[in-house]
Amino acid sequence: KAVVKTVRNQDWTSFLNKFKPEGDEGKGERLPGPGERRKKGDDPKGGDSSGETHPFNSFVTSTSLLPSCAKKMRCFGSTNEYATGAVFALPESFPNDASEDDAAKRTRTWSWPSGYSAKTEFNIDHRGNLINGREEALVPLSRMRQMNHSYLHDTDYVVGGRMVKGGLQTIPYNE
């Protein structure tokens, strides 16, 4: 179980700098994500004041949940601009899909199906709430896994809200 992030060739340095391990100019702090409001007394840079330490800085970024063996999915962009990406392992501490879906909901982990253009950078308000129908289009991770399985094994399936008869050789990325 993993997610992948494609990174534009010229953006690797800034992407890797977001991690900043503790002791390497990084504080091992967890930066607030969209919708997380800072409380009085919190670090003005955005870190939490819980005293909890983390091996790396934490940040929010979009990723794709690939179908089994990463087959048939187009992640994003062209191979000239996005030659490679990063793979993040998902926690294995969830005994079933329901507990993982509950954790995703509790942490405000947002997921949309393949073919849906969430464009969260343009569809989020100043308080971190989704706008323009993005919240209504969310699907749980368990549903994304079901859809990914369908893309690999079924002849007809839904992509972007439309029935695709006979399937596709390549499906669009999900977020």
N, C-alpha and C. Protein backbone atom coordinates (compact mmCIF):
# COMPACT_ATOMS: atom_id res chain seq x y z
N LYS A 1 0.84 -1.18 0.00
CA LYS A 1 0.00 0.00 0.00
C LYS A 1 0.88 1.23 0.00
N ALA A 2 0.74 2.01 -1.07
CA ALA A 2 1.56 3.21 -1.20
C ALA A 2 0.85 4.22 -2.09
N VAL A 3 1.29 5.46 -2.00
CA VAL A 3 0.83 6.52 -2.89
C VAL A 3 2.06 7.08 -3.58
N VAL A 4 1.85 7.70 -4.74
CA VAL A 4 2.96 8.25 -5.51
C VAL A 4 2.71 9.72 -5.79
N LYS A 5 3.78 10.47 -5.83
CA LYS A 5 3.72 11.88 -6.20
C LYS A 5 4.68 12.10 -7.34
N THR A 6 4.17 12.63 -8.45
CA THR A 6 5.06 13.03 -9.53
C THR A 6 5.56 14.43 -9.22
N VAL A 7 6.81 14.67 -9.53
CA VAL A 7 7.42 15.96 -9.23
C VAL A 7 8.05 16.48 -10.52
N ARG A 8 7.72 17.72 -10.85
CA ARG A 8 8.28 18.36 -12.04
C ARG A 8 9.81 18.39 -11.90
N ASN A 9 10.52 18.12 -12.97
CA ASN A 9 11.98 18.03 -12.93
C ASN A 9 12.63 19.21 -12.20
N GLN A 10 12.20 20.43 -12.49
CA GLN A 10 12.84 21.59 -11.88
C GLN A 10 12.37 21.85 -10.44
N ASP A 11 11.41 21.07 -9.93
CA ASP A 11 10.88 21.29 -8.58
C ASP A 11 11.44 20.35 -7.52
N TRP A 12 12.39 19.48 -7.89
CA TRP A 12 12.91 18.50 -6.94
C TRP A 12 13.57 19.14 -5.72
N THR A 13 14.37 20.16 -5.92
CA THR A 13 15.08 20.78 -4.80
C THR A 13 14.09 21.35 -3.79
N SER A 14 13.11 22.11 -4.26
CA SER A 14 12.14 22.69 -3.32
C SER A 14 11.29 21.60 -2.66
N PHE A 15 10.97 20.54 -3.39
CA PHE A 15 10.20 19.44 -2.81
C PHE A 15 10.99 18.76 -1.69
N LEU A 16 12.25 18.43 -1.96
CA LEU A 16 13.08 17.75 -0.96
C LEU A 16 13.37 18.65 0.24
N ASN A 17 13.48 19.94 0.02
CA ASN A 17 13.72 20.87 1.12
C ASN A 17 12.56 20.92 2.11
N LYS A 18 11.38 20.52 1.69
CA LYS A 18 10.23 20.51 2.60
C LYS A 18 10.42 19.51 3.73
N PHE A 19 11.20 18.47 3.50
CA PHE A 19 11.38 17.43 4.51
C PHE A 19 12.28 17.88 5.66
N LYS A 20 13.37 18.54 5.37
CA LYS A 20 14.34 19.03 6.36
C LYS A 20 14.42 18.18 7.61
N PRO A 21 15.24 17.15 7.62
CA PRO A 21 15.35 16.30 8.81
C PRO A 21 15.82 17.10 10.03
N GLU A 22 15.42 16.62 11.19
CA GLU A 22 15.84 17.26 12.44
C GLU A 22 17.36 17.29 12.48
N GLY A 23 17.92 18.41 12.91
CA GLY A 23 19.36 18.56 12.99
C GLY A 23 19.98 19.04 11.69
N ASP A 24 19.20 19.17 10.64
CA ASP A 24 19.70 19.64 9.35
C ASP A 24 18.89 20.88 8.96
N GLU A 25 18.82 21.83 9.88
CA GLU A 25 18.03 23.05 9.77
C GLU A 25 16.53 22.78 9.90
N GLY A 26 16.14 21.54 10.05
CA GLY A 26 14.74 21.21 10.27
C GLY A 26 14.49 20.97 11.74
N LYS A 27 13.31 21.25 12.18
CA LYS A 27 12.98 21.07 13.59
C LYS A 27 12.20 19.80 13.83
N GLY A 28 11.92 19.06 12.77
CA GLY A 28 11.08 17.90 12.94
C GLY A 28 9.69 18.33 13.38
N GLU A 29 9.22 19.47 12.82
CA GLU A 29 7.92 19.99 13.23
C GLU A 29 6.84 19.57 12.26
N ARG A 30 5.64 19.57 12.74
CA ARG A 30 4.50 19.25 11.90
C ARG A 30 3.81 20.55 11.54
N LEU A 31 3.86 20.91 10.26
CA LEU A 31 3.23 22.14 9.82
C LEU A 31 1.74 21.91 9.64
N PRO A 32 0.90 22.90 9.95
CA PRO A 32 -0.54 22.70 9.82
C PRO A 32 -0.95 22.55 8.37
N GLY A 33 -1.91 21.68 8.14
CA GLY A 33 -2.45 21.49 6.80
C GLY A 33 -3.63 22.41 6.58
N PRO A 34 -4.24 22.34 5.40
CA PRO A 34 -5.40 23.17 5.14
C PRO A 34 -6.49 22.90 6.17
N GLY A 35 -7.07 23.91 6.68
CA GLY A 35 -8.17 23.76 7.62
C GLY A 35 -7.75 23.61 9.06
N GLU A 36 -6.46 23.50 9.32
CA GLU A 36 -5.99 23.42 10.70
C GLU A 36 -5.64 24.82 11.14
N ARG A 37 -6.36 25.29 12.12
CA ARG A 37 -6.14 26.65 12.59
C ARG A 37 -5.11 26.64 13.69
N ARG A 38 -4.24 27.62 13.65
CA ARG A 38 -3.25 27.76 14.71
C ARG A 38 -3.92 28.37 15.93
N LYS A 39 -3.46 27.94 17.09
CA LYS A 39 -3.96 28.47 18.35
C LYS A 39 -2.96 29.48 18.87
N LYS A 40 -3.42 30.34 19.73
CA LYS A 40 -2.52 31.29 20.38
C LYS A 40 -1.40 30.51 21.04
N GLY A 41 -0.20 30.99 20.90
CA GLY A 41 0.94 30.32 21.53
C GLY A 41 1.61 29.31 20.61
N ASP A 42 0.98 29.00 19.47
CA ASP A 42 1.62 28.09 18.52
C ASP A 42 2.81 28.78 17.89
N ASP A 43 3.72 27.99 17.40
CA ASP A 43 4.88 28.50 16.69
C ASP A 43 4.40 29.38 15.54
N PRO A 44 4.88 30.62 15.41
CA PRO A 44 4.42 31.50 14.36
C PRO A 44 4.72 30.99 12.95
N LYS A 45 5.68 30.07 12.81
CA LYS A 45 5.96 29.49 11.50
C LYS A 45 4.92 28.44 11.14
N GLY A 46 4.05 28.10 12.07
CA GLY A 46 2.99 27.15 11.76
C GLY A 46 3.12 25.82 12.43
N GLY A 47 4.21 25.52 13.11
CA GLY A 47 4.38 24.22 13.76
C GLY A 47 3.43 24.07 14.93
N ASP A 48 3.25 22.84 15.38
CA ASP A 48 2.36 22.63 16.52
C ASP A 48 3.10 22.88 17.82
N SER A 49 2.35 23.06 18.90
CA SER A 49 2.98 23.32 20.20
C SER A 49 2.78 22.14 21.13
N SER A 50 2.54 20.97 20.57
CA SER A 50 2.26 19.78 21.39
C SER A 50 3.51 19.22 22.05
N GLY A 51 4.67 19.62 21.56
CA GLY A 51 5.92 19.08 22.10
C GLY A 51 6.29 17.76 21.47
N GLU A 52 5.42 17.21 20.62
CA GLU A 52 5.69 15.94 19.94
C GLU A 52 6.79 16.16 18.91
N THR A 53 7.75 15.24 18.85
CA THR A 53 8.82 15.37 17.86
C THR A 53 8.55 14.43 16.69
N HIS A 54 9.03 14.85 15.55
CA HIS A 54 8.85 14.08 14.32
C HIS A 54 10.21 13.98 13.64
N PRO A 55 10.52 12.87 12.97
CA PRO A 55 11.83 12.74 12.34
C PRO A 55 12.04 13.72 11.19
N PHE A 56 10.94 14.17 10.55
CA PHE A 56 11.01 15.11 9.44
C PHE A 56 9.91 16.14 9.62
N ASN A 57 10.08 17.27 8.94
CA ASN A 57 8.98 18.22 8.90
C ASN A 57 7.81 17.55 8.18
N SER A 58 6.62 17.89 8.56
CA SER A 58 5.42 17.35 7.94
C SER A 58 4.81 18.45 7.08
N PHE A 59 4.26 18.08 5.94
CA PHE A 59 3.63 19.05 5.06
C PHE A 59 2.52 18.37 4.27
N VAL A 60 1.70 19.16 3.60
CA VAL A 60 0.57 18.65 2.83
C VAL A 60 0.94 18.67 1.35
N THR A 61 0.63 17.58 0.65
CA THR A 61 0.88 17.51 -0.79
C THR A 61 -0.10 16.52 -1.41
N SER A 62 -0.35 16.65 -2.69
CA SER A 62 -1.25 15.72 -3.37
C SER A 62 -0.46 14.52 -3.87
N THR A 63 -1.12 13.36 -3.85
CA THR A 63 -0.52 12.12 -4.32
C THR A 63 -1.58 11.32 -5.06
N SER A 64 -1.18 10.23 -5.70
CA SER A 64 -2.12 9.31 -6.36
C SER A 64 -2.00 7.93 -5.74
N LEU A 65 -3.15 7.29 -5.56
CA LEU A 65 -3.22 5.91 -5.09
C LEU A 65 -3.28 5.04 -6.34
N LEU A 66 -2.20 4.34 -6.63
CA LEU A 66 -2.11 3.57 -7.87
C LEU A 66 -2.86 2.25 -7.77
N PRO A 67 -3.35 1.75 -8.92
CA PRO A 67 -3.89 0.39 -8.94
C PRO A 67 -2.79 -0.61 -8.66
N SER A 68 -3.14 -1.84 -8.41
CA SER A 68 -2.19 -2.90 -8.13
C SER A 68 -1.07 -2.91 -9.18
N CYS A 69 0.15 -3.03 -8.71
CA CYS A 69 1.35 -3.06 -9.56
C CYS A 69 1.52 -1.80 -10.40
N ALA A 70 0.81 -0.74 -10.06
CA ALA A 70 0.89 0.56 -10.76
C ALA A 70 0.55 0.45 -12.24
N LYS A 71 -0.33 -0.48 -12.57
CA LYS A 71 -0.70 -0.70 -13.97
C LYS A 71 -1.78 0.28 -14.41
N LYS A 72 -1.71 0.69 -15.64
CA LYS A 72 -2.73 1.44 -16.38
C LYS A 72 -2.96 2.88 -15.92
N MET A 73 -2.22 3.41 -14.94
CA MET A 73 -2.53 4.76 -14.49
C MET A 73 -1.52 5.77 -15.02
N ARG A 74 -2.06 6.86 -15.55
CA ARG A 74 -1.26 8.02 -15.94
C ARG A 74 -1.26 8.94 -14.74
N CYS A 75 -0.10 9.20 -14.16
CA CYS A 75 -0.06 9.99 -12.93
C CYS A 75 -0.25 11.48 -13.21
N PHE A 76 0.54 12.07 -14.07
CA PHE A 76 0.38 13.47 -14.38
C PHE A 76 1.50 13.93 -15.29
N GLY A 77 1.21 14.87 -16.16
CA GLY A 77 2.23 15.52 -16.96
C GLY A 77 2.89 14.64 -18.00
N SER A 78 3.90 15.19 -18.62
CA SER A 78 4.64 14.47 -19.65
C SER A 78 5.94 13.93 -19.08
N THR A 79 6.49 12.91 -19.73
CA THR A 79 7.75 12.34 -19.26
C THR A 79 8.91 13.32 -19.44
N ASN A 80 8.77 14.30 -20.32
CA ASN A 80 9.81 15.32 -20.47
C ASN A 80 9.86 16.25 -19.27
N GLU A 81 8.69 16.57 -18.69
CA GLU A 81 8.63 17.49 -17.55
C GLU A 81 8.64 16.78 -16.20
N TYR A 82 8.08 15.57 -16.16
CA TYR A 82 7.94 14.81 -14.92
C TYR A 82 8.57 13.44 -15.11
N ALA A 83 9.90 13.40 -15.08
CA ALA A 83 10.60 12.16 -15.39
C ALA A 83 10.46 11.10 -14.30
N THR A 84 10.22 11.52 -13.07
CA THR A 84 10.15 10.56 -11.97
C THR A 84 9.31 11.14 -10.83
N GLY A 85 9.20 10.40 -9.75
CA GLY A 85 8.40 10.86 -8.63
C GLY A 85 8.86 10.23 -7.33
N ALA A 86 8.06 10.40 -6.30
CA ALA A 86 8.36 9.84 -4.99
C ALA A 86 7.23 8.90 -4.58
N VAL A 87 7.59 7.82 -3.90
CA VAL A 87 6.61 6.85 -3.42
C VAL A 87 6.58 6.93 -1.89
N PHE A 88 5.38 7.04 -1.33
CA PHE A 88 5.20 7.09 0.11
C PHE A 88 4.41 5.87 0.56
N ALA A 89 4.95 5.11 1.49
CA ALA A 89 4.25 3.94 2.03
C ALA A 89 3.10 4.43 2.92
N LEU A 90 1.98 3.76 2.83
CA LEU A 90 0.85 4.07 3.71
C LEU A 90 0.98 3.26 5.00
N PRO A 91 0.49 3.78 6.10
CA PRO A 91 0.58 3.03 7.37
C PRO A 91 -0.10 1.67 7.26
N GLU A 92 0.48 0.69 7.90
CA GLU A 92 -0.09 -0.66 7.88
C GLU A 92 -0.86 -0.96 9.16
N SER A 93 -1.13 0.06 9.95
CA SER A 93 -1.73 -0.14 11.26
C SER A 93 -3.26 -0.22 11.25
N PHE A 94 -3.87 -0.27 10.07
CA PHE A 94 -5.33 -0.33 10.00
C PHE A 94 -5.78 -1.75 9.71
N PRO A 95 -6.56 -2.35 10.63
CA PRO A 95 -6.97 -3.74 10.44
C PRO A 95 -7.95 -3.93 9.29
N ASN A 96 -8.66 -2.88 8.90
CA ASN A 96 -9.63 -3.01 7.81
C ASN A 96 -9.85 -1.65 7.15
N ASP A 97 -10.59 -1.67 6.04
CA ASP A 97 -10.84 -0.44 5.28
C ASP A 97 -11.60 0.59 6.10
N ALA A 98 -12.53 0.14 6.94
CA ALA A 98 -13.35 1.08 7.72
C ALA A 98 -12.49 1.91 8.67
N SER A 99 -11.53 1.27 9.34
CA SER A 99 -10.69 2.03 10.27
C SER A 99 -9.78 3.00 9.52
N GLU A 100 -9.30 2.60 8.34
CA GLU A 100 -8.48 3.51 7.53
C GLU A 100 -9.32 4.69 7.05
N ASP A 101 -10.54 4.42 6.60
CA ASP A 101 -11.44 5.49 6.16
C ASP A 101 -11.76 6.44 7.30
N ASP A 102 -11.96 5.90 8.51
CA ASP A 102 -12.22 6.75 9.68
C ASP A 102 -11.02 7.64 9.97
N ALA A 103 -9.82 7.08 9.92
CA ALA A 103 -8.61 7.86 10.18
C ALA A 103 -8.43 8.95 9.12
N ALA A 104 -8.72 8.62 7.88
CA ALA A 104 -8.60 9.61 6.80
C ALA A 104 -9.58 10.75 7.01
N LYS A 105 -10.78 10.41 7.42
CA LYS A 105 -11.79 11.45 7.68
C LYS A 105 -11.38 12.32 8.87
N ARG A 106 -10.90 11.70 9.91
CA ARG A 106 -10.50 12.42 11.13
C ARG A 106 -9.33 13.37 10.86
N THR A 107 -8.41 12.98 9.98
CA THR A 107 -7.24 13.80 9.69
C THR A 107 -7.45 14.70 8.48
N ARG A 108 -8.66 14.71 7.98
CA ARG A 108 -9.00 15.52 6.81
C ARG A 108 -8.12 15.17 5.62
N THR A 109 -7.93 13.87 5.40
CA THR A 109 -7.24 13.40 4.21
C THR A 109 -8.28 13.33 3.11
N TRP A 110 -8.08 14.10 2.08
CA TRP A 110 -9.07 14.19 1.01
C TRP A 110 -8.68 13.29 -0.14
N SER A 111 -9.63 12.59 -0.72
CA SER A 111 -9.36 11.75 -1.88
C SER A 111 -10.51 11.84 -2.87
N TRP A 112 -10.12 11.95 -4.13
CA TRP A 112 -11.07 12.03 -5.23
C TRP A 112 -10.78 10.92 -6.21
N PRO A 113 -11.78 10.50 -6.97
CA PRO A 113 -11.59 9.39 -7.91
C PRO A 113 -10.80 9.80 -9.15
N SER A 114 -10.36 8.81 -9.90
CA SER A 114 -9.64 9.05 -11.15
C SER A 114 -10.49 9.92 -12.07
N GLY A 115 -9.82 10.83 -12.73
CA GLY A 115 -10.49 11.68 -13.70
C GLY A 115 -11.12 12.93 -13.11
N TYR A 116 -11.13 13.05 -11.78
CA TYR A 116 -11.72 14.23 -11.15
C TYR A 116 -10.62 15.27 -10.93
N SER A 117 -10.83 16.45 -11.44
CA SER A 117 -9.83 17.52 -11.31
C SER A 117 -10.15 18.36 -10.08
N ALA A 118 -9.58 17.98 -8.96
CA ALA A 118 -9.88 18.65 -7.68
C ALA A 118 -9.30 20.05 -7.63
N LYS A 119 -8.09 20.23 -8.13
CA LYS A 119 -7.43 21.54 -8.13
C LYS A 119 -7.62 22.26 -6.80
N THR A 120 -7.21 21.61 -5.72
CA THR A 120 -7.46 22.16 -4.39
C THR A 120 -6.83 23.53 -4.18
N GLU A 121 -5.74 23.82 -4.88
CA GLU A 121 -5.12 25.13 -4.68
C GLU A 121 -6.06 26.27 -5.08
N PHE A 122 -7.06 25.97 -5.92
CA PHE A 122 -8.03 26.98 -6.33
C PHE A 122 -9.41 26.78 -5.70
N ASN A 123 -9.60 25.66 -5.02
CA ASN A 123 -10.91 25.31 -4.51
C ASN A 123 -10.93 25.07 -3.01
N ILE A 124 -10.27 25.96 -2.31
CA ILE A 124 -10.23 25.89 -0.86
C ILE A 124 -10.33 27.33 -0.34
N ASP A 125 -11.12 27.52 0.71
CA ASP A 125 -11.27 28.88 1.24
C ASP A 125 -10.18 29.19 2.25
N HIS A 126 -10.19 30.38 2.78
CA HIS A 126 -9.14 30.83 3.70
C HIS A 126 -9.12 30.07 5.02
N ARG A 127 -10.18 29.33 5.32
CA ARG A 127 -10.22 28.52 6.54
C ARG A 127 -9.89 27.05 6.29
N GLY A 128 -9.55 26.72 5.06
CA GLY A 128 -9.19 25.35 4.73
C GLY A 128 -10.36 24.46 4.38
N ASN A 129 -11.51 25.06 4.09
CA ASN A 129 -12.69 24.28 3.70
C ASN A 129 -12.75 24.18 2.18
N LEU A 130 -13.14 23.00 1.70
CA LEU A 130 -13.29 22.81 0.27
C LEU A 130 -14.51 23.59 -0.23
N ILE A 131 -14.41 24.13 -1.44
CA ILE A 131 -15.51 24.88 -2.05
C ILE A 131 -15.75 24.38 -3.47
N ASN A 132 -16.77 24.91 -4.10
CA ASN A 132 -17.10 24.61 -5.51
C ASN A 132 -17.35 23.12 -5.76
N GLY A 133 -18.02 22.46 -4.82
CA GLY A 133 -18.41 21.06 -5.00
C GLY A 133 -17.32 20.03 -4.74
N ARG A 134 -16.14 20.47 -4.32
CA ARG A 134 -15.05 19.52 -4.11
C ARG A 134 -15.32 18.58 -2.94
N GLU A 135 -15.94 19.07 -1.88
CA GLU A 135 -16.23 18.20 -0.73
C GLU A 135 -17.24 17.12 -1.09
N GLU A 136 -18.25 17.49 -1.88
CA GLU A 136 -19.28 16.52 -2.27
C GLU A 136 -18.71 15.41 -3.17
N ALA A 137 -17.61 15.67 -3.84
CA ALA A 137 -17.02 14.69 -4.74
C ALA A 137 -16.01 13.76 -4.07
N LEU A 138 -15.71 13.99 -2.78
CA LEU A 138 -14.75 13.15 -2.07
C LEU A 138 -15.20 11.69 -2.05
N VAL A 139 -14.26 10.78 -2.09
CA VAL A 139 -14.54 9.35 -1.93
C VAL A 139 -13.56 8.78 -0.90
N PRO A 140 -13.99 7.79 -0.11
CA PRO A 140 -13.06 7.19 0.85
C PRO A 140 -11.97 6.37 0.14
N LEU A 141 -10.86 6.17 0.83
CA LEU A 141 -9.76 5.39 0.26
C LEU A 141 -10.21 3.99 -0.14
N SER A 142 -11.09 3.39 0.65
CA SER A 142 -11.57 2.04 0.32
C SER A 142 -12.30 2.04 -1.02
N ARG A 143 -13.04 3.09 -1.31
CA ARG A 143 -13.76 3.19 -2.59
C ARG A 143 -12.75 3.38 -3.73
N MET A 144 -11.70 4.16 -3.48
CA MET A 144 -10.68 4.33 -4.52
C MET A 144 -10.01 3.00 -4.84
N ARG A 145 -9.77 2.19 -3.82
CA ARG A 145 -9.17 0.86 -4.06
C ARG A 145 -10.11 -0.02 -4.89
N GLN A 146 -11.41 0.05 -4.59
CA GLN A 146 -12.39 -0.73 -5.37
C GLN A 146 -12.39 -0.27 -6.83
N MET A 147 -12.37 1.04 -7.04
CA MET A 147 -12.36 1.56 -8.41
C MET A 147 -11.07 1.16 -9.13
N ASN A 148 -9.93 1.25 -8.44
CA ASN A 148 -8.66 0.84 -9.05
C ASN A 148 -8.69 -0.63 -9.46
N HIS A 149 -9.28 -1.48 -8.61
CA HIS A 149 -9.41 -2.89 -8.94
C HIS A 149 -10.29 -3.06 -10.18
N SER A 150 -11.37 -2.32 -10.24
CA SER A 150 -12.28 -2.37 -11.38
C SER A 150 -11.56 -1.96 -12.67
N TYR A 151 -10.72 -0.93 -12.61
CA TYR A 151 -10.00 -0.47 -13.80
C TYR A 151 -9.11 -1.57 -14.37
N LEU A 152 -8.59 -2.42 -13.50
CA LEU A 152 -7.70 -3.49 -13.96
C LEU A 152 -8.43 -4.73 -14.45
N HIS A 153 -9.57 -5.03 -13.82
CA HIS A 153 -10.18 -6.34 -14.05
C HIS A 153 -11.55 -6.33 -14.73
N ASP A 154 -12.23 -5.20 -14.78
CA ASP A 154 -13.56 -5.15 -15.40
C ASP A 154 -13.46 -4.61 -16.82
N THR A 155 -14.42 -5.00 -17.65
CA THR A 155 -14.44 -4.52 -19.03
C THR A 155 -15.02 -3.11 -19.10
N ASP A 156 -16.07 -2.85 -18.32
CA ASP A 156 -16.71 -1.54 -18.28
C ASP A 156 -16.59 -0.97 -16.87
N TYR A 157 -16.27 0.31 -16.77
CA TYR A 157 -16.16 0.94 -15.46
C TYR A 157 -16.35 2.44 -15.59
N VAL A 158 -16.51 3.09 -14.44
CA VAL A 158 -16.75 4.52 -14.40
C VAL A 158 -15.45 5.27 -14.15
N VAL A 159 -15.17 6.28 -14.98
CA VAL A 159 -14.04 7.17 -14.81
C VAL A 159 -14.57 8.59 -14.96
N GLY A 160 -14.31 9.43 -13.98
CA GLY A 160 -14.75 10.82 -14.05
C GLY A 160 -16.25 10.96 -14.17
N GLY A 161 -16.99 10.02 -13.56
CA GLY A 161 -18.45 10.09 -13.59
C GLY A 161 -19.08 9.56 -14.86
N ARG A 162 -18.28 9.03 -15.78
CA ARG A 162 -18.82 8.50 -17.04
C ARG A 162 -18.49 7.03 -17.18
N MET A 163 -19.45 6.27 -17.72
CA MET A 163 -19.23 4.86 -17.97
C MET A 163 -18.35 4.70 -19.20
N VAL A 164 -17.27 3.94 -19.05
CA VAL A 164 -16.35 3.67 -20.15
C VAL A 164 -16.57 2.21 -20.56
N LYS A 165 -17.17 2.02 -21.71
CA LYS A 165 -17.43 0.67 -22.22
C LYS A 165 -16.16 0.13 -22.87
N GLY A 166 -15.78 -1.07 -22.49
CA GLY A 166 -14.60 -1.69 -23.08
C GLY A 166 -13.30 -1.30 -22.43
N GLY A 167 -13.36 -0.36 -21.49
CA GLY A 167 -12.16 0.01 -20.73
C GLY A 167 -11.22 0.94 -21.47
N LEU A 168 -10.17 1.29 -20.78
CA LEU A 168 -9.12 2.17 -21.31
C LEU A 168 -7.77 1.50 -21.13
N GLN A 169 -6.82 1.85 -21.97
CA GLN A 169 -5.45 1.36 -21.80
C GLN A 169 -4.77 2.08 -20.64
N THR A 170 -5.10 3.37 -20.49
CA THR A 170 -4.51 4.19 -19.43
C THR A 170 -5.61 5.01 -18.79
N ILE A 171 -5.67 5.01 -17.47
CA ILE A 171 -6.67 5.80 -16.75
C ILE A 171 -6.01 7.04 -16.18
N PRO A 172 -6.78 8.12 -15.99
CA PRO A 172 -6.19 9.33 -15.42
C PRO A 172 -5.86 9.16 -13.95
N TYR A 173 -4.97 10.02 -13.45
CA TYR A 173 -4.56 9.97 -12.05
C TYR A 173 -5.73 10.28 -11.12
N ASN A 174 -5.59 9.93 -9.87
CA ASN A 174 -6.53 10.33 -8.83
C ASN A 174 -5.74 11.16 -7.83
N GLU A 175 -6.43 11.85 -6.94
CA GLU A 175 -5.75 12.62 -5.88
C GLU A 175 -6.23 12.13 -4.54
